[in-house]
C-alpha atoms as a PDB file:
ATOM      1  CA  MET A   1       0.016   0.137  -0.039  1.00  0.00           C
ATOM      2  CA  LEU A   2       1.362   3.197  -0.906  1.00  0.00           C
ATOM      3  CA  GLN A   3       1.588   5.706   1.953  1.00  0.00           C
ATOM      4  CA  VAL A   4       0.159   9.341   1.944  1.00  0.00           C
ATOM      5  CA  ALA A   5       1.257  11.814   4.607  1.00  0.00           C
ATOM      6  CA  LYS A   6       1.273  15.060   2.790  1.00  0.00           C
ATOM      7  CA  LEU A   7      -1.385  17.395   1.211  1.00  0.00           C
ATOM      8  CA  ILE A   8      -0.895  20.175  -1.305  1.00  0.00           C
ATOM      9  CA  PRO A   9      -3.866  22.470  -1.315  1.00  0.00           C
ATOM     10  CA  GLN A  10      -5.362  23.090  -4.649  1.00  0.00           C
ATOM     11  CA  GLY A  11      -1.440  22.056  -5.967  1.00  0.00           C
ATOM     12  CA  GLN A  12      -0.351  25.134  -5.467  1.00  0.00           C
ATOM     13  CA  GLY A  13       2.884  25.671  -6.957  1.00  0.00           C
ATOM     14  CA  LEU A  14       3.157  23.005  -9.074  1.00  0.00           C
ATOM     15  CA  ALA A  15       3.478  22.689 -12.651  1.00  0.00           C
ATOM     16  CA  ALA A  16       0.556  22.215 -14.653  1.00  0.00           C
ATOM     17  CA  VAL A  17       2.127  19.402 -16.765  1.00  0.00           C
ATOM     18  CA  LEU A  18       2.732  17.134 -13.523  1.00  0.00           C
ATOM     19  CA  LEU A  19      -0.583  18.225 -12.489  1.00  0.00           C
ATOM     20  CA  LYS A  20      -1.981  16.878 -15.819  1.00  0.00           C
ATOM     21  CA  ARG A  21       0.284  14.030 -15.451  1.00  0.00           C
ATOM     22  CA  ALA A  22      -0.905  13.069 -11.842  1.00  0.00           C
ATOM     23  CA  ALA A  23      -2.631   9.992 -11.197  1.00  0.00           C
ATOM     24  CA  THR A  24      -6.456  10.899  -9.668  1.00  0.00           C
ATOM     25  CA  VAL A  25      -8.336   9.532  -6.791  1.00  0.00           C
ATOM     26  CA  THR A  26     -12.234  10.670  -6.774  1.00  0.00           C
ATOM     27  CA  LEU A  27     -13.662  10.702  -3.352  1.00  0.00           C
ATOM     28  CA  ASP A  28     -17.120  11.740  -1.783  1.00  0.00           C
ATOM     29  CA  TRP A  29     -17.489  13.879   1.228  1.00  0.00           C
ATOM     30  CA  ASP A  30     -17.961  11.535   3.855  1.00  0.00           C
ATOM     31  CA  LEU A  31     -14.348  10.178   3.014  1.00  0.00           C
ATOM     32  CA  ARG A  32     -12.720  13.672   2.093  1.00  0.00           C
ATOM     33  CA  GLN A  33     -13.379  14.940   5.533  1.00  0.00           C
ATOM     34  CA  LYS A  34     -11.245  12.279   7.196  1.00  0.00           C
ATOM     35  CA  SER A  35      -7.939  12.583   7.960  1.00  0.00           C
ATOM     36  CA  ARG A  36      -7.021   8.362   7.732  1.00  0.00           C
ATOM     37  CA  PHE A  37      -8.660   6.336   4.744  1.00  0.00           C
ATOM     38  CA  GLU A  38      -7.891   3.995   2.128  1.00  0.00           C
ATOM     39  CA  ALA A  39      -8.754   4.614  -1.403  1.00  0.00           C
ATOM     40  CA  THR A  40      -7.864   3.305  -4.794  1.00  0.00           C
ATOM     41  CA  ASP A  41      -6.348   5.336  -7.160  1.00  0.00           C
ATOM     42  CA  SER A  42      -6.541   5.968 -10.924  1.00  0.00           C
ATOM     43  CA  LEU A  43      -3.767   3.477 -11.731  1.00  0.00           C
ATOM     44  CA  GLY A  44      -5.060   0.844  -9.487  1.00  0.00           C
ATOM     45  CA  ARG A  45      -2.560   1.537  -6.412  1.00  0.00           C
ATOM     46  CA  SER A  46      -4.232   1.186  -3.198  1.00  0.00           C
ATOM     47  CA  VAL A  47      -3.533   4.315  -1.234  1.00  0.00           C
ATOM     48  CA  GLY A  48      -3.307   4.758   2.388  1.00  0.00           C
ATOM     49  CA  VAL A  49      -4.081   8.363   3.879  1.00  0.00           C
ATOM     50  CA  PHE A  50      -2.679   9.677   6.888  1.00  0.00           C
ATOM     51  CA  LEU A  51      -2.938  13.469   7.341  1.00  0.00           C
ATOM     52  CA  PRO A  52      -2.779  15.336  10.190  1.00  0.00           C
ATOM     53  CA  ARG A  53      -5.790  15.159  12.810  1.00  0.00           C
ATOM     54  CA  GLY A  54      -8.566  17.941  11.196  1.00  0.00           C
ATOM     55  CA  ASN A  55      -7.563  18.361   7.500  1.00  0.00           C
ATOM     56  CA  VAL A  56     -10.066  18.118   5.045  1.00  0.00           C
ATOM     57  CA  VAL A  57      -9.292  16.497   1.566  1.00  0.00           C
ATOM     58  CA  ARG A  58     -11.098  19.087  -1.082  1.00  0.00           C
ATOM     59  CA  GLY A  59     -11.436  18.538  -4.947  1.00  0.00           C
ATOM     60  CA  GLY A  60      -8.666  19.761  -6.489  1.00  0.00           C
ATOM     61  CA  ASP A  61      -6.194  19.011  -3.648  1.00  0.00           C
ATOM     62  CA  VAL A  62      -3.148  16.935  -4.243  1.00  0.00           C
ATOM     63  CA  LEU A  63      -1.702  14.258  -1.921  1.00  0.00           C
ATOM     64  CA  VAL A  64       2.323  13.421  -2.079  1.00  0.00           C
ATOM     65  CA  ALA A  65       2.620   9.899  -1.546  1.00  0.00           C
ATOM     66  CA  GLU A  66       5.842   8.391   0.395  1.00  0.00           C
ATOM     67  CA  ASP A  67       7.208   7.851  -3.310  1.00  0.00           C
ATOM     68  CA  GLY A  68       6.987  11.567  -4.354  1.00  0.00           C
ATOM     69  CA  SER A  69       4.134  10.407  -6.570  1.00  0.00           C
ATOM     70  CA  LEU A  70       1.219  12.638  -6.766  1.00  0.00           C
ATOM     71  CA  ILE A  71      -2.269  12.006  -6.782  1.00  0.00           C
ATOM     72  CA  ARG A  72      -4.797  14.798  -7.786  1.00  0.00           C
ATOM     73  CA  VAL A  73      -8.140  14.717  -5.758  1.00  0.00           C
ATOM     74  CA  GLN A  74     -11.571  14.641  -7.575  1.00  0.00           C
ATOM     75  CA  ALA A  75     -14.737  15.213  -5.760  1.00  0.00           C
ATOM     76  CA  ALA A  76     -16.774  12.834  -6.696  1.00  0.00           C
ATOM     77  CA  PRO A  77     -20.782  13.327  -7.704  1.00  0.00           C
ATOM     78  CA  GLN A  78     -23.007  12.250  -4.634  1.00  0.00           C
ATOM     79  CA  ALA A  79     -26.632  12.993  -3.361  1.00  0.00           C
ATOM     80  CA  VAL A  80     -26.945  16.573  -2.484  1.00  0.00           C
ATOM     81  CA  LEU A  81     -29.750  18.719  -2.258  1.00  0.00           C
ATOM     82  CA  ARG A  82     -29.412  22.126  -4.213  1.00  0.00           C
ATOM     83  CA  ILE A  83     -31.274  24.888  -2.812  1.00  0.00           C
ATOM     84  CA  THR A  84     -32.281  27.682  -5.196  1.00  0.00           C
ATOM     85  CA  ALA A  85     -34.636  31.189  -4.797  1.00  0.00           C
ATOM     86  CA  CYS A  86     -37.868  31.009  -6.284  1.00  0.00           C
ATOM     87  CA  THR A  87     -37.983  33.518  -9.118  1.00  0.00           C
ATOM     88  CA  ALA A  88     -41.719  34.015  -9.144  1.00  0.00           C
ATOM     89  CA  HIS A  89     -42.335  34.790  -5.671  1.00  0.00           C
ATOM     90  CA  GLY A  90     -38.951  35.001  -3.586  1.00  0.00           C
ATOM     91  CA  SER A  91     -35.457  36.787  -3.863  1.00  0.00           C
ATOM     92  CA  PRO A  92     -31.928  35.620  -3.724  1.00  0.00           C
ATOM     93  CA  PHE A  93     -31.454  37.195   0.098  1.00  0.00           C
ATOM     94  CA  ASP A  94     -34.193  34.202   0.437  1.00  0.00           C
ATOM     95  CA  LEU A  95     -30.777  31.830  -0.159  1.00  0.00           C
ATOM     96  CA  THR A  96     -28.845  34.004   2.879  1.00  0.00           C
ATOM     97  CA  ARG A  97     -31.828  33.349   4.925  1.00  0.00           C
ATOM     98  CA  ALA A  98     -31.904  29.905   4.180  1.00  0.00           C
ATOM     99  CA  ALA A  99     -28.024  29.409   5.009  1.00  0.00           C
ATOM    100  CA  TYR A 100     -28.183  31.300   8.224  1.00  0.00           C
ATOM    101  CA  HIS A 101     -30.986  28.532   9.418  1.00  0.00           C
ATOM    102  CA  LEU A 102     -29.017  25.984   8.119  1.00  0.00           C
ATOM    103  CA  GLY A 103     -25.826  27.324   9.853  1.00  0.00           C
ATOM    104  CA  ASN A 104     -27.751  27.563  13.398  1.00  0.00           C
ATOM    105  CA  ARG A 105     -28.125  23.852  12.797  1.00  0.00           C
ATOM    106  CA  HIS A 106     -24.400  23.433  12.154  1.00  0.00           C
ATOM    107  CA  VAL A 107     -25.519  21.653   9.092  1.00  0.00           C
ATOM    108  CA  PRO A 108     -22.418  21.094   6.350  1.00  0.00           C
ATOM    109  CA  ILE A 109     -23.301  23.642   3.416  1.00  0.00           C
ATOM    110  CA  GLU A 110     -21.871  24.622   0.324  1.00  0.00           C
ATOM    111  CA  LEU A 111     -22.252  28.218  -0.287  1.00  0.00           C
ATOM    112  CA  ARG A 112     -22.929  29.245  -4.220  1.00  0.00           C
ATOM    113  CA  PRO A 113     -23.745  32.738  -5.461  1.00  0.00           C
ATOM    114  CA  ASP A 114     -27.033  31.297  -7.283  1.00  0.00           C
ATOM    115  CA  TYR A 115     -27.475  28.316  -5.067  1.00  0.00           C
ATOM    116  CA  LEU A 116     -26.506  26.116  -1.635  1.00  0.00           C
ATOM    117  CA  GLN A 117     -26.123  22.680  -1.232  1.00  0.00           C
ATOM    118  CA  ILE A 118     -26.559  20.328   1.726  1.00  0.00           C
ATOM    119  CA  GLU A 119     -26.333  16.454   2.162  1.00  0.00           C
ATOM    120  CA  PRO A 120     -30.132  14.310   1.616  1.00  0.00           C
ATOM    121  CA  ASP A 121     -32.358  15.607   4.861  1.00  0.00           C
ATOM    122  CA  HIS A 122     -35.741  15.124   4.429  1.00  0.00           C
ATOM    123  CA  VAL A 123     -36.438  17.846   7.897  1.00  0.00           C
ATOM    124  CA  LEU A 124     -34.333  20.293   6.481  1.00  0.00           C
ATOM    125  CA  ALA A 125     -35.965  19.727   2.940  1.00  0.00           C
ATOM    126  CA  ASP A 126     -39.604  20.898   4.363  1.00  0.00           C
ATOM    127  CA  MET A 127     -38.161  23.528   6.452  1.00  0.00           C
ATOM    128  CA  LEU A 128     -36.709  25.122   3.245  1.00  0.00           C
ATOM    129  CA  ARG A 129     -39.495  24.407   0.790  1.00  0.00           C
ATOM    130  CA  ALA A 130     -41.922  26.144   3.757  1.00  0.00           C
ATOM    131  CA  MET A 131     -39.561  29.233   3.703  1.00  0.00           C
ATOM    132  CA  HIS A 132     -40.553  29.322  -0.038  1.00  0.00           C
ATOM    133  CA  LEU A 133     -37.520  27.859  -1.559  1.00  0.00           C
ATOM    134  CA  ILE A 134     -36.861  25.452  -4.539  1.00  0.00           C
ATOM    135  CA  VAL A 135     -35.343  22.356  -3.066  1.00  0.00           C
ATOM    136  CA  ASN A 136     -33.957  19.464  -6.089  1.00  0.00           C
ATOM    137  CA  PRO A 137     -32.178  16.530  -5.122  1.00  0.00           C
ATOM    138  CA  VAL A 138     -29.193  16.160  -7.512  1.00  0.00           C
ATOM    139  CA  ASP A 139     -25.877  14.396  -7.826  1.00  0.00           C
ATOM    140  CA  ALA A 140     -23.082  16.950  -7.657  1.00  0.00           C
ATOM    141  CA  PRO A 141     -19.949  16.914  -6.044  1.00  0.00           C
ATOM    142  CA  PHE A 142     -20.246  18.652  -2.757  1.00  0.00           C
ATOM    143  CA  GLU A 143     -17.551  21.041  -1.618  1.00  0.00           C
ATOM    144  CA  PRO A 144     -18.874  22.191   2.144  1.00  0.00           C
ATOM    145  CA  GLU A 145     -17.845  25.737   3.789  1.00  0.00           C
ATOM    146  CA  SER A 146     -14.951  25.191   6.070  1.00  0.00           C
ATOM    147  CA  GLY A 147     -15.219  26.267   9.983  1.00  0.00           C
ATOM    148  CA  ALA A 148     -14.454  30.050  10.332  1.00  0.00           C
ATOM    149  CA  TYR A 149     -11.097  28.798  12.192  1.00  0.00           C
ATOM    150  CA  ALA A 150     -10.440  25.686  10.027  1.00  0.00           C
ATOM    151  CA  SER A 151      -6.491  25.606   9.716  1.00  0.00           C
ATOM    152  CA  HIS A 152      -6.760  24.278   5.918  1.00  0.00           C
ATOM    153  CA  GLY A 153      -8.162  27.713   4.964  1.00  0.00           C
ATOM    154  CA  ALA A 154     -11.306  28.965   3.126  1.00  0.00           C
ATOM    155  CA  HIS A 155     -12.805  26.476   0.360  1.00  0.00           C
ATOM    156  CA  SER A 156     -11.415  27.575  -3.123  1.00  0.00           C
ATOM    157  CA  HIS A 157     -14.144  28.346  -5.584  1.00  0.00           C
ATOM    158  CA  GLY A 158     -11.757  28.170  -8.215  1.00  0.00           C
ATOM    159  CA  HIS A 159     -11.977  24.598  -9.329  1.00  0.00           C
ATOM    160  CA  GLY A 160     -14.969  23.242 -11.528  1.00  0.00           C
ATOM    161  CA  HIS A 161     -17.968  22.030 -10.669  1.00  0.00           C
ATOM    162  CA  GLY A 162     -20.586  20.283 -12.523  1.00  0.00           C
ATOM    163  CA  HIS A 163     -23.179  22.572 -13.470  1.00  0.00           C
ATOM    164  CA  ASP A 164     -24.827  20.279 -16.167  1.00  0.00           C
ATOM    165  CA  HIS A 165     -27.971  19.843 -13.667  1.00  0.00           C
ATOM    166  CA  ALA A 166     -28.677  23.841 -14.584  1.00  0.00           C
ATOM    167  CA  HIS A 167     -32.119  24.497 -13.801  1.00  0.00           C
ATOM    168  CA  ALA A 168     -33.435  22.327 -15.700  1.00  0.00           C
ATOM    169  CA  HIS A 169     -36.013  20.622 -13.337  1.00  0.00           C
ATOM    170  CA  GLU A 170     -36.024  23.944 -11.626  1.00  0.00           C
ATOM    171  CA  HIS A 171     -39.646  23.576 -10.061  1.00  0.00           C
ATOM    172  CA  GLU A 172     -39.680  20.116  -9.604  1.00  0.00           C
ATOM    173  CA  GLY A 173     -40.300  19.261  -5.729  1.00  0.00           C
ATOM    174  CA  HIS A 174     -41.334  22.932  -5.477  1.00  0.00           C
ATOM    175  CA  ASN A 175     -44.720  22.693  -3.606  1.00  0.00           C
ATOM    176  CA  HIS A 176     -45.270  25.938  -2.170  1.00  0.00           C
ATOM    177  CA  ASP A 177     -48.196  27.894  -2.216  1.00  0.00           C
ATOM    178  CA  HIS A 178     -48.666  30.258  -5.078  1.00  0.00           C
ATOM    179  CA  GLY A 179     -51.805  32.092  -3.706  1.00  0.00           C
ATOM    180  CA  PRO A 180     -51.988  35.672  -3.051  1.00  0.00           C
ATOM    181  CA  HIS A 181     -50.728  35.039   0.312  1.00  0.00           C
ATOM    182  CA  ALA A 182     -46.983  34.170  -0.806  1.00  0.00           C
ATOM    183  CA  HIS A 183     -44.275  36.587  -1.014  1.00  0.00           C
END
């Protein structure tokens, strides 16, 4: 098993050609928030990751193996709830309000300019729908915010996320009342 004890956040300082040639490992959020785990990279190698406690592995980070080889981390698409504002009866501020309420519940949340993402939770989905937000289940990479005091630094928004799910089914599951008393 190939041992990994070093992580380079977002591959900073590495030449693009090295990143392009690096093996990859695709991991979901559940695994990426652990400091010790096993995985298999794109070359079929078994990799044992032993990072300092408290480290979170992000999509775009680069793991450095004991033999010096580089392994680029890809965030695996997983089941998430994508939360968007209702363009007919709401405003983009509704997302800010939703982020506040989710944060109060200490829910891992991915903050994006035009949507939020959380792990599936039907109780939270119902609460958000009651707040006149649109909640759709999608499969997408999940990169929740780091805590305000996290040592790994703030989550970088410079890496790609799959946006091929964009608004095709925006009102699916959007079941609040559109009557005159709504916003």
